[in-house]
Amino acid sequence: MTTIFVRINHIGSTSVEGLIAKPTIDILLELPKDYAVNDIAQLLQNDEWILMQKDDKQRTLDLGKGYTPNGFAEKVYHLHVKPLGDWNELYFRDYLRQYPNVARQYEALKLGLKEYFEHNRDAYTYAKSDFVMEQSQKAKLEFAGRYLPPEH
């Protein structure tokens, strides 16, 4: 297997200074568009990453580390593996960094949703999705071309 990663980024709420966040580090791992999804999933699972979601059509993987039978470990990680070019998380992160007022709106949304979805991660994520996509679309216009690798 010769897959080489293209880029790795810290994303999610912990990547935005001052934003309230769960103690979970979100990582975006970008791979070549033709990466071997099943091989990478197996490689990461062999390194004790838990496969939480796999989308063969979109060629994405979501994995976790730090989950125990008794709850969360001291450190918890989510690894989002995507083909190069799927940059919504980067757009959203940078938009929150650029616009603290939008970050505060996002924080208020998260706190409001926590009451209802504290033990349902998927529903919590879905409930935030309209806000995230709206801000990501604004960022795509403002930051067009920002994430292209240097050779482009």
N, C-alpha and C. Protein backbone atom coordinates (compact mmCIF):
# COMPACT_ATOMS: atom_id res chain seq x y z
N MET A 1 0.85 -1.18 0.00
CA MET A 1 0.00 0.00 0.00
C MET A 1 0.89 1.23 0.00
N THR A 2 0.63 2.16 -0.92
CA THR A 2 1.49 3.34 -1.05
C THR A 2 0.75 4.65 -0.80
N THR A 3 -0.37 4.61 -0.09
CA THR A 3 -1.11 5.83 0.20
C THR A 3 -0.27 6.75 1.07
N ILE A 4 -0.16 7.98 0.66
CA ILE A 4 0.56 8.99 1.43
C ILE A 4 -0.44 10.08 1.77
N PHE A 5 -0.41 10.53 3.02
CA PHE A 5 -1.36 11.57 3.37
C PHE A 5 -0.95 12.88 2.71
N VAL A 6 -1.94 13.69 2.40
CA VAL A 6 -1.71 14.97 1.76
C VAL A 6 -1.56 16.06 2.81
N ARG A 7 -2.44 16.03 3.83
CA ARG A 7 -2.41 17.08 4.84
C ARG A 7 -3.16 16.60 6.07
N ILE A 8 -2.75 17.11 7.22
CA ILE A 8 -3.45 16.83 8.48
C ILE A 8 -3.70 18.17 9.17
N ASN A 9 -4.92 18.34 9.70
CA ASN A 9 -5.31 19.59 10.34
C ASN A 9 -6.08 19.33 11.62
N HIS A 10 -5.89 20.20 12.58
CA HIS A 10 -6.70 20.23 13.79
C HIS A 10 -7.97 21.00 13.44
N ILE A 11 -9.12 20.37 13.61
CA ILE A 11 -10.41 21.01 13.30
C ILE A 11 -11.29 20.91 14.53
N GLY A 12 -12.54 21.28 14.39
CA GLY A 12 -13.49 21.17 15.49
C GLY A 12 -13.36 22.32 16.46
N SER A 13 -14.19 22.31 17.48
CA SER A 13 -14.27 23.42 18.42
C SER A 13 -12.98 23.67 19.18
N THR A 14 -12.22 22.62 19.47
CA THR A 14 -10.96 22.84 20.20
C THR A 14 -9.92 23.56 19.35
N SER A 15 -10.16 23.69 18.06
CA SER A 15 -9.21 24.40 17.19
C SER A 15 -9.51 25.89 17.09
N VAL A 16 -10.58 26.33 17.76
CA VAL A 16 -10.97 27.74 17.75
C VAL A 16 -10.75 28.29 19.16
N GLU A 17 -9.77 29.15 19.29
CA GLU A 17 -9.40 29.68 20.60
C GLU A 17 -10.60 30.33 21.29
N GLY A 18 -10.81 29.94 22.55
CA GLY A 18 -11.86 30.53 23.37
C GLY A 18 -13.24 29.93 23.18
N LEU A 19 -13.42 29.05 22.22
CA LEU A 19 -14.72 28.45 21.97
C LEU A 19 -14.94 27.30 22.94
N ILE A 20 -16.11 27.28 23.57
CA ILE A 20 -16.42 26.18 24.48
C ILE A 20 -16.41 24.87 23.68
N ALA A 21 -15.84 23.83 24.26
CA ALA A 21 -15.69 22.58 23.53
C ALA A 21 -15.65 21.40 24.49
N LYS A 22 -16.12 20.27 23.98
CA LYS A 22 -15.93 19.02 24.70
C LYS A 22 -14.43 18.71 24.64
N PRO A 23 -13.92 17.94 25.58
CA PRO A 23 -12.48 17.62 25.55
C PRO A 23 -12.15 16.55 24.51
N THR A 24 -12.51 16.85 23.27
CA THR A 24 -12.28 15.93 22.16
C THR A 24 -11.51 16.67 21.08
N ILE A 25 -10.42 16.09 20.64
CA ILE A 25 -9.62 16.68 19.57
C ILE A 25 -10.09 16.06 18.25
N ASP A 26 -10.53 16.93 17.33
CA ASP A 26 -10.93 16.49 16.00
C ASP A 26 -9.79 16.74 15.03
N ILE A 27 -9.48 15.72 14.24
CA ILE A 27 -8.37 15.78 13.29
C ILE A 27 -8.91 15.45 11.90
N LEU A 28 -8.52 16.26 10.93
CA LEU A 28 -8.86 15.99 9.53
C LEU A 28 -7.61 15.47 8.84
N LEU A 29 -7.70 14.27 8.32
CA LEU A 29 -6.61 13.65 7.56
C LEU A 29 -7.05 13.59 6.11
N GLU A 30 -6.35 14.35 5.26
CA GLU A 30 -6.66 14.36 3.83
C GLU A 30 -5.73 13.40 3.11
N LEU A 31 -6.32 12.56 2.29
CA LEU A 31 -5.58 11.57 1.52
C LEU A 31 -5.84 11.80 0.03
N PRO A 32 -5.01 11.22 -0.82
CA PRO A 32 -5.26 11.35 -2.27
C PRO A 32 -6.68 10.87 -2.60
N LYS A 33 -7.27 11.44 -3.64
CA LYS A 33 -8.66 11.12 -4.01
C LYS A 33 -8.88 9.63 -4.26
N ASP A 34 -7.86 8.92 -4.70
CA ASP A 34 -8.00 7.50 -5.03
C ASP A 34 -7.49 6.58 -3.91
N TYR A 35 -7.44 7.08 -2.68
CA TYR A 35 -6.89 6.24 -1.60
C TYR A 35 -7.73 4.99 -1.39
N ALA A 36 -7.09 3.97 -0.89
CA ALA A 36 -7.74 2.67 -0.65
C ALA A 36 -8.49 2.73 0.68
N VAL A 37 -9.77 3.04 0.61
CA VAL A 37 -10.59 3.26 1.80
C VAL A 37 -10.52 2.07 2.76
N ASN A 38 -10.74 0.87 2.25
CA ASN A 38 -10.75 -0.31 3.11
C ASN A 38 -9.38 -0.57 3.73
N ASP A 39 -8.33 -0.38 2.97
CA ASP A 39 -6.98 -0.60 3.50
C ASP A 39 -6.65 0.38 4.62
N ILE A 40 -7.02 1.65 4.41
CA ILE A 40 -6.75 2.67 5.43
C ILE A 40 -7.59 2.41 6.68
N ALA A 41 -8.85 2.02 6.48
CA ALA A 41 -9.71 1.70 7.62
C ALA A 41 -9.09 0.57 8.44
N GLN A 42 -8.62 -0.46 7.76
CA GLN A 42 -8.03 -1.60 8.47
C GLN A 42 -6.72 -1.20 9.17
N LEU A 43 -5.90 -0.43 8.50
CA LEU A 43 -4.64 0.03 9.08
C LEU A 43 -4.89 0.81 10.37
N LEU A 44 -5.85 1.73 10.34
CA LEU A 44 -6.15 2.54 11.52
C LEU A 44 -6.80 1.69 12.63
N GLN A 45 -7.66 0.76 12.26
CA GLN A 45 -8.25 -0.12 13.27
C GLN A 45 -7.18 -1.00 13.92
N ASN A 46 -6.17 -1.39 13.16
CA ASN A 46 -5.06 -2.16 13.73
C ASN A 46 -4.28 -1.34 14.74
N ASP A 47 -4.39 -0.01 14.63
CA ASP A 47 -3.72 0.89 15.57
C ASP A 47 -4.70 1.36 16.65
N GLU A 48 -5.74 0.58 16.89
CA GLU A 48 -6.71 0.78 17.96
C GLU A 48 -7.65 1.97 17.77
N TRP A 49 -7.80 2.44 16.52
CA TRP A 49 -8.84 3.41 16.23
C TRP A 49 -10.14 2.63 16.05
N ILE A 50 -11.24 3.16 16.58
CA ILE A 50 -12.56 2.54 16.46
C ILE A 50 -13.26 3.15 15.26
N LEU A 51 -13.64 2.31 14.30
CA LEU A 51 -14.36 2.79 13.13
C LEU A 51 -15.80 3.11 13.53
N MET A 52 -16.17 4.39 13.45
CA MET A 52 -17.50 4.83 13.85
C MET A 52 -18.42 4.97 12.64
N GLN A 53 -17.83 5.34 11.51
CA GLN A 53 -18.64 5.51 10.31
C GLN A 53 -17.75 5.38 9.08
N LYS A 54 -18.30 4.74 8.05
CA LYS A 54 -17.59 4.59 6.78
C LYS A 54 -18.59 4.86 5.67
N ASP A 55 -18.20 5.74 4.75
CA ASP A 55 -19.07 6.08 3.62
C ASP A 55 -18.28 5.78 2.35
N ASP A 56 -18.57 4.64 1.73
CA ASP A 56 -17.84 4.23 0.53
C ASP A 56 -18.07 5.18 -0.64
N LYS A 57 -19.28 5.71 -0.75
CA LYS A 57 -19.59 6.62 -1.86
C LYS A 57 -18.80 7.93 -1.75
N GLN A 58 -18.77 8.51 -0.56
CA GLN A 58 -18.04 9.77 -0.36
C GLN A 58 -16.55 9.53 -0.08
N ARG A 59 -16.19 8.26 0.17
CA ARG A 59 -14.80 7.88 0.45
C ARG A 59 -14.31 8.52 1.75
N THR A 60 -15.16 8.46 2.79
CA THR A 60 -14.81 9.05 4.08
C THR A 60 -14.85 8.00 5.18
N LEU A 61 -14.05 8.26 6.20
CA LEU A 61 -14.01 7.43 7.40
C LEU A 61 -14.07 8.36 8.61
N ASP A 62 -14.78 7.95 9.63
CA ASP A 62 -14.76 8.63 10.92
C ASP A 62 -14.38 7.59 11.95
N LEU A 63 -13.33 7.91 12.69
CA LEU A 63 -12.81 6.98 13.68
C LEU A 63 -12.63 7.69 15.01
N GLY A 64 -12.60 6.91 16.08
CA GLY A 64 -12.43 7.47 17.40
C GLY A 64 -11.39 6.72 18.20
N LYS A 65 -10.82 7.42 19.15
CA LYS A 65 -9.87 6.82 20.09
C LYS A 65 -10.12 7.48 21.44
N GLY A 66 -10.06 6.69 22.47
CA GLY A 66 -10.27 7.24 23.81
C GLY A 66 -11.62 6.87 24.42
N TYR A 67 -12.31 5.97 23.78
CA TYR A 67 -13.57 5.47 24.32
C TYR A 67 -13.26 4.20 25.11
N THR A 68 -13.83 4.10 26.30
CA THR A 68 -13.61 2.93 27.14
C THR A 68 -14.97 2.37 27.57
N PRO A 69 -15.02 1.14 28.10
CA PRO A 69 -16.29 0.60 28.59
C PRO A 69 -16.90 1.46 29.71
N ASN A 70 -16.07 2.27 30.38
CA ASN A 70 -16.55 3.11 31.48
C ASN A 70 -16.77 4.57 31.06
N GLY A 71 -16.73 4.85 29.78
CA GLY A 71 -16.89 6.23 29.30
C GLY A 71 -15.64 6.70 28.59
N PHE A 72 -15.40 7.99 28.65
CA PHE A 72 -14.26 8.57 27.95
C PHE A 72 -12.97 8.41 28.74
N ALA A 73 -11.88 8.20 28.01
CA ALA A 73 -10.56 8.22 28.61
C ALA A 73 -10.18 9.69 28.87
N GLU A 74 -9.01 9.92 29.42
CA GLU A 74 -8.57 11.29 29.69
C GLU A 74 -8.48 12.10 28.39
N LYS A 75 -8.04 11.46 27.32
CA LYS A 75 -7.95 12.12 26.02
C LYS A 75 -8.80 11.36 25.02
N VAL A 76 -9.61 12.11 24.24
CA VAL A 76 -10.49 11.52 23.24
C VAL A 76 -10.21 12.20 21.91
N TYR A 77 -10.15 11.39 20.86
CA TYR A 77 -9.84 11.90 19.53
C TYR A 77 -10.85 11.39 18.52
N HIS A 78 -11.19 12.25 17.57
CA HIS A 78 -11.97 11.86 16.40
C HIS A 78 -11.11 12.13 15.19
N LEU A 79 -10.95 11.14 14.34
CA LEU A 79 -10.16 11.25 13.12
C LEU A 79 -11.12 11.18 11.94
N HIS A 80 -11.13 12.25 11.15
CA HIS A 80 -11.98 12.34 9.97
C HIS A 80 -11.06 12.16 8.76
N VAL A 81 -11.21 11.06 8.04
CA VAL A 81 -10.38 10.76 6.89
C VAL A 81 -11.20 11.05 5.65
N LYS A 82 -10.64 11.91 4.77
CA LYS A 82 -11.37 12.33 3.57
C LYS A 82 -10.42 12.48 2.41
N PRO A 83 -10.97 12.38 1.21
CA PRO A 83 -10.13 12.65 0.04
C PRO A 83 -9.86 14.16 -0.07
N LEU A 84 -8.73 14.50 -0.60
CA LEU A 84 -8.35 15.89 -0.81
C LEU A 84 -9.47 16.63 -1.54
N GLY A 85 -9.83 17.78 -1.03
CA GLY A 85 -10.84 18.61 -1.68
C GLY A 85 -12.14 18.73 -0.91
N ASP A 86 -12.35 17.93 0.12
CA ASP A 86 -13.56 18.00 0.95
C ASP A 86 -13.21 18.85 2.17
N TRP A 87 -13.38 20.17 2.04
CA TRP A 87 -12.82 21.10 3.01
C TRP A 87 -13.83 21.82 3.88
N ASN A 88 -15.04 21.31 3.99
CA ASN A 88 -16.04 22.02 4.80
C ASN A 88 -15.56 22.28 6.22
N GLU A 89 -14.90 21.32 6.84
CA GLU A 89 -14.42 21.52 8.21
C GLU A 89 -13.39 22.64 8.30
N LEU A 90 -12.54 22.74 7.29
CA LEU A 90 -11.53 23.81 7.28
C LEU A 90 -12.19 25.17 7.08
N TYR A 91 -13.14 25.24 6.15
CA TYR A 91 -13.85 26.49 5.93
C TYR A 91 -14.55 26.94 7.22
N PHE A 92 -15.25 26.02 7.85
CA PHE A 92 -15.99 26.35 9.06
C PHE A 92 -15.05 26.80 10.17
N ARG A 93 -13.99 26.05 10.40
CA ARG A 93 -13.02 26.41 11.44
C ARG A 93 -12.47 27.82 11.22
N ASP A 94 -12.04 28.08 10.02
CA ASP A 94 -11.42 29.38 9.74
C ASP A 94 -12.43 30.52 9.78
N TYR A 95 -13.68 30.24 9.43
CA TYR A 95 -14.71 31.27 9.52
C TYR A 95 -14.96 31.63 10.98
N LEU A 96 -15.02 30.63 11.86
CA LEU A 96 -15.19 30.90 13.29
C LEU A 96 -14.00 31.66 13.85
N ARG A 97 -12.81 31.34 13.39
CA ARG A 97 -11.62 32.06 13.84
C ARG A 97 -11.64 33.52 13.37
N GLN A 98 -12.13 33.73 12.17
CA GLN A 98 -12.15 35.07 11.58
C GLN A 98 -13.26 35.94 12.19
N TYR A 99 -14.37 35.33 12.57
CA TYR A 99 -15.55 36.06 13.04
C TYR A 99 -15.97 35.58 14.42
N PRO A 100 -15.40 36.17 15.47
CA PRO A 100 -15.74 35.75 16.84
C PRO A 100 -17.23 35.83 17.17
N ASN A 101 -17.95 36.77 16.55
CA ASN A 101 -19.39 36.86 16.81
C ASN A 101 -20.11 35.61 16.29
N VAL A 102 -19.66 35.06 15.18
CA VAL A 102 -20.25 33.81 14.65
C VAL A 102 -19.87 32.65 15.57
N ALA A 103 -18.64 32.67 16.07
CA ALA A 103 -18.21 31.63 17.02
C ALA A 103 -19.09 31.65 18.26
N ARG A 104 -19.46 32.83 18.74
CA ARG A 104 -20.34 32.95 19.92
C ARG A 104 -21.74 32.40 19.61
N GLN A 105 -22.23 32.66 18.39
CA GLN A 105 -23.53 32.11 17.99
C GLN A 105 -23.48 30.59 17.98
N TYR A 106 -22.38 30.06 17.46
CA TYR A 106 -22.22 28.61 17.40
C TYR A 106 -22.15 28.02 18.82
N GLU A 107 -21.45 28.71 19.68
CA GLU A 107 -21.33 28.27 21.06
C GLU A 107 -22.71 28.23 21.74
N ALA A 108 -23.51 29.27 21.52
CA ALA A 108 -24.85 29.31 22.10
C ALA A 108 -25.72 28.17 21.56
N LEU A 109 -25.60 27.90 20.27
CA LEU A 109 -26.34 26.78 19.66
C LEU A 109 -25.92 25.47 20.30
N LYS A 110 -24.63 25.24 20.43
CA LYS A 110 -24.13 24.00 21.02
C LYS A 110 -24.62 23.82 22.45
N LEU A 111 -24.57 24.88 23.23
CA LEU A 111 -25.02 24.79 24.63
C LEU A 111 -26.51 24.49 24.71
N GLY A 112 -27.30 25.09 23.82
CA GLY A 112 -28.73 24.81 23.79
C GLY A 112 -29.04 23.38 23.41
N LEU A 113 -28.28 22.85 22.47
CA LEU A 113 -28.52 21.48 22.00
C LEU A 113 -28.02 20.43 22.99
N LYS A 114 -27.04 20.80 23.80
CA LYS A 114 -26.46 19.84 24.74
C LYS A 114 -27.52 19.25 25.66
N GLU A 115 -28.45 20.08 26.10
CA GLU A 115 -29.52 19.60 26.99
C GLU A 115 -30.32 18.46 26.38
N TYR A 116 -30.59 18.58 25.09
CA TYR A 116 -31.45 17.61 24.41
C TYR A 116 -30.71 16.38 23.89
N PHE A 117 -29.45 16.57 23.52
CA PHE A 117 -28.73 15.50 22.82
C PHE A 117 -27.42 15.08 23.48
N GLU A 118 -27.32 15.27 24.79
CA GLU A 118 -26.06 14.98 25.47
C GLU A 118 -25.57 13.56 25.24
N HIS A 119 -26.49 12.62 25.10
CA HIS A 119 -26.10 11.21 24.94
C HIS A 119 -26.42 10.66 23.56
N ASN A 120 -26.62 11.57 22.60
CA ASN A 120 -26.91 11.15 21.22
C ASN A 120 -26.06 12.00 20.28
N ARG A 121 -24.82 11.59 20.05
CA ARG A 121 -23.86 12.35 19.25
C ARG A 121 -24.37 12.61 17.83
N ASP A 122 -24.98 11.61 17.22
CA ASP A 122 -25.46 11.77 15.84
C ASP A 122 -26.56 12.82 15.75
N ALA A 123 -27.52 12.79 16.67
CA ALA A 123 -28.60 13.77 16.65
C ALA A 123 -28.06 15.18 16.95
N TYR A 124 -27.12 15.27 17.85
CA TYR A 124 -26.48 16.55 18.19
C TYR A 124 -25.78 17.13 16.95
N THR A 125 -25.02 16.30 16.26
CA THR A 125 -24.32 16.74 15.06
C THR A 125 -25.31 17.16 13.98
N TYR A 126 -26.36 16.38 13.79
CA TYR A 126 -27.37 16.71 12.78
C TYR A 126 -28.06 18.04 13.10
N ALA A 127 -28.36 18.26 14.38
CA ALA A 127 -29.05 19.49 14.78
C ALA A 127 -28.21 20.74 14.54
N LYS A 128 -26.90 20.60 14.49
CA LYS A 128 -26.01 21.74 14.22
C LYS A 128 -25.76 21.93 12.73
N SER A 129 -26.15 20.98 11.91
CA SER A 129 -25.70 20.93 10.52
C SER A 129 -26.13 22.13 9.68
N ASP A 130 -27.34 22.64 9.86
CA ASP A 130 -27.76 23.80 9.06
C ASP A 130 -26.88 25.01 9.33
N PHE A 131 -26.61 25.27 10.59
CA PHE A 131 -25.75 26.40 10.96
C PHE A 131 -24.35 26.21 10.38
N VAL A 132 -23.80 25.02 10.55
CA VAL A 132 -22.45 24.73 10.06
C VAL A 132 -22.38 24.90 8.55
N MET A 133 -23.35 24.37 7.82
CA MET A 133 -23.32 24.48 6.36
C MET A 133 -23.50 25.93 5.90
N GLU A 134 -24.37 26.67 6.56
CA GLU A 134 -24.57 28.08 6.20
C GLU A 134 -23.27 28.88 6.35
N GLN A 135 -22.58 28.68 7.46
CA GLN A 135 -21.33 29.42 7.69
C GLN A 135 -20.22 28.91 6.77
N SER A 136 -20.22 27.62 6.50
CA SER A 136 -19.22 27.05 5.58
C SER A 136 -19.39 27.61 4.18
N GLN A 137 -20.63 27.79 3.74
CA GLN A 137 -20.88 28.36 2.41
C GLN A 137 -20.36 29.80 2.34
N LYS A 138 -20.58 30.57 3.38
CA LYS A 138 -20.05 31.94 3.42
C LYS A 138 -18.52 31.91 3.35
N ALA A 139 -17.92 30.99 4.08
CA ALA A 139 -16.46 30.88 4.11
C ALA A 139 -15.92 30.46 2.74
N LYS A 140 -16.62 29.58 2.04
CA LYS A 140 -16.17 29.15 0.71
C LYS A 140 -16.05 30.34 -0.23
N LEU A 141 -16.97 31.27 -0.12
CA LEU A 141 -16.90 32.47 -0.96
C LEU A 141 -15.74 33.35 -0.54
N GLU A 142 -15.59 33.54 0.75
CA GLU A 142 -14.54 34.43 1.26
C GLU A 142 -13.14 33.84 1.13
N PHE A 143 -13.01 32.54 1.33
CA PHE A 143 -11.69 31.90 1.37
C PHE A 143 -11.42 31.02 0.15
N ALA A 144 -12.05 31.29 -0.94
CA ALA A 144 -11.90 30.47 -2.16
C ALA A 144 -10.42 30.24 -2.49
N GLY A 145 -10.07 28.97 -2.72
CA GLY A 145 -8.71 28.60 -3.09
C GLY A 145 -7.72 28.48 -1.94
N ARG A 146 -8.14 28.78 -0.74
CA ARG A 146 -7.23 28.80 0.41
C ARG A 146 -6.58 27.45 0.70
N TYR A 147 -7.27 26.38 0.45
CA TYR A 147 -6.79 25.06 0.90
C TYR A 147 -6.15 24.23 -0.21
N LEU A 148 -6.01 24.79 -1.38
CA LEU A 148 -5.35 24.04 -2.45
C LEU A 148 -3.91 23.75 -2.06
N PRO A 149 -3.46 22.53 -2.27
CA PRO A 149 -2.06 22.21 -1.99
C PRO A 149 -1.13 23.08 -2.85
N PRO A 150 0.09 23.32 -2.40
CA PRO A 150 1.02 24.21 -3.11
C PRO A 150 1.25 23.87 -4.57
N GLU A 151 1.21 22.60 -4.95
CA GLU A 151 1.49 22.23 -6.34
C GLU A 151 0.36 22.57 -7.29
N HIS A 152 -0.78 23.07 -6.80
CA HIS A 152 -1.91 23.42 -7.68
C HIS A 152 -1.76 24.84 -8.18
